[in-house]
N, C-alpha and C. Protein backbone atom coordinates (compact mmCIF):
# COMPACT_ATOMS: atom_id res chain seq x y z
N MET A 1 -1.29 -41.31 22.38
CA MET A 1 -1.79 -41.85 21.97
C MET A 1 -1.55 -41.48 20.54
N ALA A 2 -2.02 -42.19 19.62
CA ALA A 2 -1.93 -42.60 18.51
C ALA A 2 -3.18 -42.74 17.75
N VAL A 3 -4.17 -42.38 16.48
CA VAL A 3 -4.67 -42.79 15.85
C VAL A 3 -5.24 -43.94 16.01
N MET A 4 -6.18 -44.62 15.98
CA MET A 4 -6.74 -46.05 16.16
C MET A 4 -7.68 -46.14 15.41
N THR A 5 -7.53 -47.82 14.69
CA THR A 5 -8.83 -48.19 14.04
C THR A 5 -9.61 -49.23 14.46
N ILE A 6 -10.88 -49.05 14.87
CA ILE A 6 -12.27 -50.12 15.53
C ILE A 6 -12.61 -50.26 14.04
N ARG A 7 -12.35 -51.87 14.51
CA ARG A 7 -13.94 -52.58 14.03
C ARG A 7 -15.70 -52.69 14.80
N VAL A 8 -16.25 -52.10 14.31
CA VAL A 8 -17.97 -52.56 14.84
C VAL A 8 -18.43 -53.48 13.81
N VAL A 9 -18.60 -54.58 14.95
CA VAL A 9 -19.65 -55.64 14.52
C VAL A 9 -21.61 -55.31 14.56
N TYR A 10 -21.76 -55.11 13.89
CA TYR A 10 -23.01 -54.72 13.76
C TYR A 10 -24.10 -56.21 13.87
N SER A 11 -25.95 -56.04 14.87
CA SER A 11 -26.40 -57.40 15.12
C SER A 11 -26.14 -58.05 13.46
N ASP A 12 -26.77 -56.89 12.80
CA ASP A 12 -27.48 -57.87 11.11
C ASP A 12 -25.89 -59.12 10.51
N GLY A 13 -24.79 -58.69 11.13
CA GLY A 13 -23.90 -59.01 10.58
C GLY A 13 -23.20 -57.84 9.97
N ARG A 14 -22.67 -57.70 9.37
CA ARG A 14 -22.46 -56.78 8.47
C ARG A 14 -21.17 -55.13 10.19
N THR A 15 -19.74 -55.29 8.67
CA THR A 15 -18.87 -54.38 9.55
C THR A 15 -18.26 -53.27 8.86
N GLU A 16 -17.90 -52.72 9.21
CA GLU A 16 -17.75 -51.56 9.43
C GLU A 16 -16.25 -51.09 10.65
N GLU A 17 -15.44 -50.42 9.34
CA GLU A 17 -14.60 -49.72 10.22
C GLU A 17 -13.62 -48.62 9.80
N ILE A 18 -13.20 -47.96 11.30
CA ILE A 18 -13.25 -46.47 11.58
C ILE A 18 -12.26 -46.02 12.36
N ILE A 19 -11.30 -45.05 11.51
CA ILE A 19 -10.76 -44.47 12.50
C ILE A 19 -10.73 -43.18 13.39
N ALA A 20 -10.54 -43.73 14.84
CA ALA A 20 -10.61 -42.86 15.49
C ALA A 20 -9.28 -41.71 16.03
N SER A 21 -10.42 -40.69 15.83
CA SER A 21 -8.94 -39.34 15.61
C SER A 21 -8.81 -39.30 16.57
N PRO A 22 -7.11 -38.29 16.88
CA PRO A 22 -7.40 -37.45 17.66
C PRO A 22 -7.98 -36.49 17.96
N LYS A 23 -9.19 -35.77 17.34
CA LYS A 23 -10.13 -34.96 17.52
C LYS A 23 -11.58 -35.50 18.67
N ALA A 24 -11.24 -37.17 17.70
CA ALA A 24 -12.57 -38.08 18.93
C ALA A 24 -12.29 -38.76 19.96
N GLN A 25 -10.75 -38.67 19.99
CA GLN A 25 -10.45 -39.19 21.84
C GLN A 25 -10.81 -37.99 22.53
N VAL A 26 -10.47 -36.69 22.18
CA VAL A 26 -10.25 -35.46 23.02
C VAL A 26 -11.30 -35.02 23.35
N MET A 27 -12.21 -35.21 22.49
CA MET A 27 -13.59 -34.48 22.09
C MET A 27 -14.23 -35.82 23.54
N THR A 28 -13.91 -37.38 23.43
CA THR A 28 -14.88 -38.45 24.62
C THR A 28 -14.14 -38.01 25.77
N GLU A 29 -12.79 -38.00 25.91
CA GLU A 29 -12.36 -37.55 27.69
C GLU A 29 -13.01 -35.98 27.79
N GLN A 30 -13.31 -35.38 27.11
CA GLN A 30 -14.32 -34.39 27.62
C GLN A 30 -15.81 -34.50 28.27
N HIS A 31 -15.98 -35.29 27.34
CA HIS A 31 -17.77 -35.44 26.94
C HIS A 31 -17.83 -36.42 29.01
N TYR A 32 -16.75 -37.09 29.19
CA TYR A 32 -16.33 -38.02 30.15
C TYR A 32 -15.79 -37.59 31.12
N GLY A 33 -15.80 -36.13 31.16
CA GLY A 33 -15.12 -35.02 32.37
C GLY A 33 -13.12 -36.23 32.62
N GLY A 34 -12.69 -36.76 31.01
CA GLY A 34 -11.78 -37.73 32.02
C GLY A 34 -11.89 -38.98 31.80
N ILE A 35 -10.86 -40.44 31.28
CA ILE A 35 -11.08 -41.65 31.34
C ILE A 35 -10.81 -42.37 32.86
N SER A 36 -11.71 -43.57 33.46
CA SER A 36 -11.79 -43.66 34.26
C SER A 36 -11.39 -45.30 34.66
N PRO A 37 -10.97 -45.98 35.26
CA PRO A 37 -11.64 -47.73 35.27
C PRO A 37 -12.93 -47.32 34.97
N GLN A 38 -13.82 -47.18 36.05
CA GLN A 38 -15.43 -46.66 35.74
C GLN A 38 -15.88 -46.27 34.79
N ASN A 39 -15.09 -46.04 33.96
CA ASN A 39 -16.08 -45.20 32.75
C ASN A 39 -15.29 -46.15 31.30
N LYS A 40 -14.94 -46.85 31.51
CA LYS A 40 -13.14 -46.92 30.16
C LYS A 40 -13.89 -47.61 29.55
N LEU A 41 -14.86 -48.89 29.11
CA LEU A 41 -16.16 -49.77 28.12
C LEU A 41 -16.36 -48.60 27.66
N GLU A 42 -17.58 -47.85 28.49
CA GLU A 42 -18.94 -46.85 27.96
C GLU A 42 -17.76 -45.65 27.03
N ALA A 43 -16.88 -45.14 27.66
CA ALA A 43 -16.30 -44.40 26.54
C ALA A 43 -15.46 -45.41 26.00
N HIS A 44 -15.14 -46.56 25.60
CA HIS A 44 -14.61 -46.93 24.87
C HIS A 44 -15.81 -47.02 23.62
N TYR A 45 -17.19 -47.32 23.90
CA TYR A 45 -18.12 -47.53 23.22
C TYR A 45 -18.40 -46.03 22.26
N TYR A 46 -18.41 -45.40 23.32
CA TYR A 46 -18.43 -43.62 22.37
C TYR A 46 -17.81 -43.12 22.47
N LEU A 47 -16.50 -43.05 21.98
CA LEU A 47 -15.37 -43.04 21.23
C LEU A 47 -15.45 -43.30 19.25
N THR A 48 -16.09 -44.97 19.50
CA THR A 48 -16.64 -45.55 18.20
C THR A 48 -17.96 -44.85 18.08
N TRP A 49 -19.20 -44.78 18.96
CA TRP A 49 -19.83 -44.41 17.71
C TRP A 49 -19.77 -42.76 17.65
N LEU A 50 -19.04 -42.35 18.19
CA LEU A 50 -18.62 -40.60 17.78
C LEU A 50 -18.06 -40.61 16.32
N SER A 51 -16.82 -41.22 16.68
CA SER A 51 -16.29 -41.30 15.21
C SER A 51 -16.67 -41.65 14.10
N MET A 52 -17.61 -42.46 14.45
CA MET A 52 -18.97 -43.25 13.55
C MET A 52 -19.70 -41.99 12.51
N HIS A 53 -20.40 -40.98 13.90
CA HIS A 53 -21.21 -39.88 13.86
C HIS A 53 -20.68 -39.36 13.22
N ARG A 54 -19.43 -38.75 13.63
CA ARG A 54 -18.27 -38.00 13.08
C ARG A 54 -18.69 -37.57 11.53
N ALA A 55 -17.94 -39.20 11.28
CA ALA A 55 -17.71 -39.54 10.03
C ALA A 55 -19.15 -39.60 9.30
N GLY A 56 -20.10 -39.28 9.24
CA GLY A 56 -21.46 -40.03 8.73
C GLY A 56 -21.89 -41.24 8.49
N LYS A 57 -21.08 -41.63 9.22
CA LYS A 57 -21.49 -43.34 9.17
C LYS A 57 -22.71 -43.88 9.86
N GLU A 58 -23.01 -42.62 11.25
CA GLU A 58 -24.38 -44.08 11.93
C GLU A 58 -24.59 -42.05 11.95
N ALA A 59 -26.25 -42.18 11.49
CA ALA A 59 -26.97 -40.97 12.03
C ALA A 59 -27.88 -41.59 13.11
N ALA A 60 -28.12 -42.04 13.92
CA ALA A 60 -28.84 -43.13 15.17
C ALA A 60 -27.94 -42.48 16.38
N ASP A 61 -29.22 -42.45 17.66
CA ASP A 61 -27.83 -41.21 18.70
C ASP A 61 -27.57 -42.65 19.41
N PHE A 62 -26.67 -42.64 20.64
CA PHE A 62 -25.29 -43.21 21.33
C PHE A 62 -26.22 -44.61 22.11
N ASN A 63 -26.98 -44.59 22.55
CA ASN A 63 -28.48 -45.17 22.62
C ASN A 63 -28.71 -46.49 22.32
N ALA A 64 -29.28 -46.13 20.68
CA ALA A 64 -30.31 -47.04 19.29
C ALA A 64 -28.65 -47.71 18.52
N TRP A 65 -27.58 -46.73 18.55
CA TRP A 65 -26.62 -47.05 18.10
C TRP A 65 -25.90 -48.62 19.12
N LEU A 66 -25.96 -47.96 20.26
CA LEU A 66 -25.45 -49.47 21.15
C LEU A 66 -26.22 -50.49 20.71
N GLU A 67 -27.54 -50.64 21.04
CA GLU A 67 -28.40 -51.81 20.90
C GLU A 67 -28.03 -52.26 19.81
N SER A 68 -27.79 -51.61 18.61
CA SER A 68 -27.81 -52.00 16.83
C SER A 68 -26.25 -52.89 16.53
N ILE A 69 -25.00 -53.12 17.80
CA ILE A 69 -24.07 -53.72 17.14
C ILE A 69 -23.51 -55.24 18.26
N ASP A 70 -23.20 -55.78 18.46
CA ASP A 70 -22.14 -56.76 18.66
C ASP A 70 -21.10 -56.48 19.29
N ASP A 71 -20.17 -55.90 18.69
CA ASP A 71 -18.88 -55.80 19.18
C ASP A 71 -18.40 -54.52 19.01
N ALA A 72 -16.96 -53.84 19.29
CA ALA A 72 -16.55 -52.56 19.02
C ALA A 72 -14.91 -53.09 19.18
N GLU A 73 -13.95 -53.08 18.65
CA GLU A 73 -13.17 -54.00 19.14
C GLU A 73 -11.58 -53.01 17.92
N VAL A 74 -10.62 -52.48 18.75
CA VAL A 74 -9.75 -51.53 18.16
C VAL A 74 -8.62 -52.66 17.78
N ILE A 75 -8.37 -52.71 16.67
CA ILE A 75 -7.47 -53.68 15.71
C ILE A 75 -6.47 -52.97 15.35
N ASP A 76 -5.23 -54.23 15.14
CA ASP A 76 -3.67 -54.07 14.58
C ASP A 76 -3.88 -53.49 13.32
N GLU A 77 -3.49 -52.52 13.07
CA GLU A 77 -3.25 -52.38 11.74
C GLU A 77 -3.00 -53.37 10.41
N ALA A 78 -2.09 -54.18 10.82
CA ALA A 78 -1.82 -55.51 9.78
C ALA A 78 -2.83 -56.17 10.08
N GLU A 79 -4.25 -56.21 10.81
CA GLU A 79 -5.59 -57.00 10.48
C GLU A 79 -6.54 -56.50 9.51
N ARG A 80 -6.10 -54.78 9.31
CA ARG A 80 -7.08 -54.09 8.18
C ARG A 80 -6.83 -54.61 7.55
N VAL A 81 -8.77 -54.23 6.20
CA VAL A 81 -8.95 -54.77 5.09
C VAL A 81 -8.48 -53.07 4.41
N ASP A 82 -7.44 -53.44 3.33
CA ASP A 82 -7.24 -53.23 2.47
C ASP A 82 -8.52 -53.28 1.16
N PRO A 83 -9.04 -53.01 0.30
CA PRO A 83 -10.11 -52.82 -0.92
C PRO A 83 -9.01 -53.15 -1.92
N THR A 84 -8.55 -52.08 -1.21
CA THR A 84 -7.38 -52.02 -3.29
C THR A 84 -6.27 -53.18 -3.63
N GLU A 85 -5.83 -53.82 -4.73
CA GLU A 85 -5.58 -54.09 -4.83
C GLU A 85 -3.98 -53.93 -4.56
N PRO A 86 -3.13 -53.64 -4.48
CA PRO A 86 -1.60 -53.44 -4.35
C PRO A 86 -0.91 -52.93 -6.33
N ALA A 87 -0.60 -52.16 -6.58
CA ALA A 87 -0.33 -51.88 -7.38
C ALA A 87 0.84 -52.62 -8.37
N PRO A 88 0.91 -53.10 -9.18
CA PRO A 88 2.41 -53.71 -9.77
C PRO A 88 3.44 -52.96 -9.51
N SER A 89 4.43 -53.48 -9.02
CA SER A 89 5.86 -52.88 -9.11
C SER A 89 5.92 -52.40 -10.84
N PRO A 90 7.12 -51.49 -10.93
CA PRO A 90 7.38 -51.14 -12.48
C PRO A 90 8.46 -52.72 -12.88
N GLY A 91 8.23 -53.12 -13.62
CA GLY A 91 9.62 -54.37 -14.36
C GLY A 91 8.63 -55.06 -14.20
N ASP A 92 7.91 -55.06 -13.16
CA ASP A 92 6.77 -56.66 -13.31
C ASP A 92 6.16 -56.92 -14.63
N SER A 93 5.74 -58.21 -15.00
CA SER A 93 5.42 -58.25 -16.07
C SER A 93 4.24 -59.28 -15.85
N SER A 94 3.06 -59.13 -17.04
CA SER A 94 2.20 -60.34 -16.75
C SER A 94 2.10 -61.45 -18.11
N ASP A 95 3.39 -60.88 -18.15
CA ASP A 95 3.30 -62.22 -20.29
C ASP A 95 3.68 -63.37 -18.60
């Protein structure tokens, strides 16, 4: 499985994007003793929280965090928001 980006929508309207690293994915599988159809949804949210927690973006515990969000979805790389403007190509002129 590849590294994935997850967009979290909080109840207050703010959004965050987080990369679910291979380490967080493995830690989630270890926490649940594997991912199954019965725990797939909870594991998805746990993976998202764990990724945010490990990155220092979320201090709340898992259950408190769950109460504060409306959604957490895996996003396609084409949907990612890049806050930087692309650099001009050599030879591009602003004249």
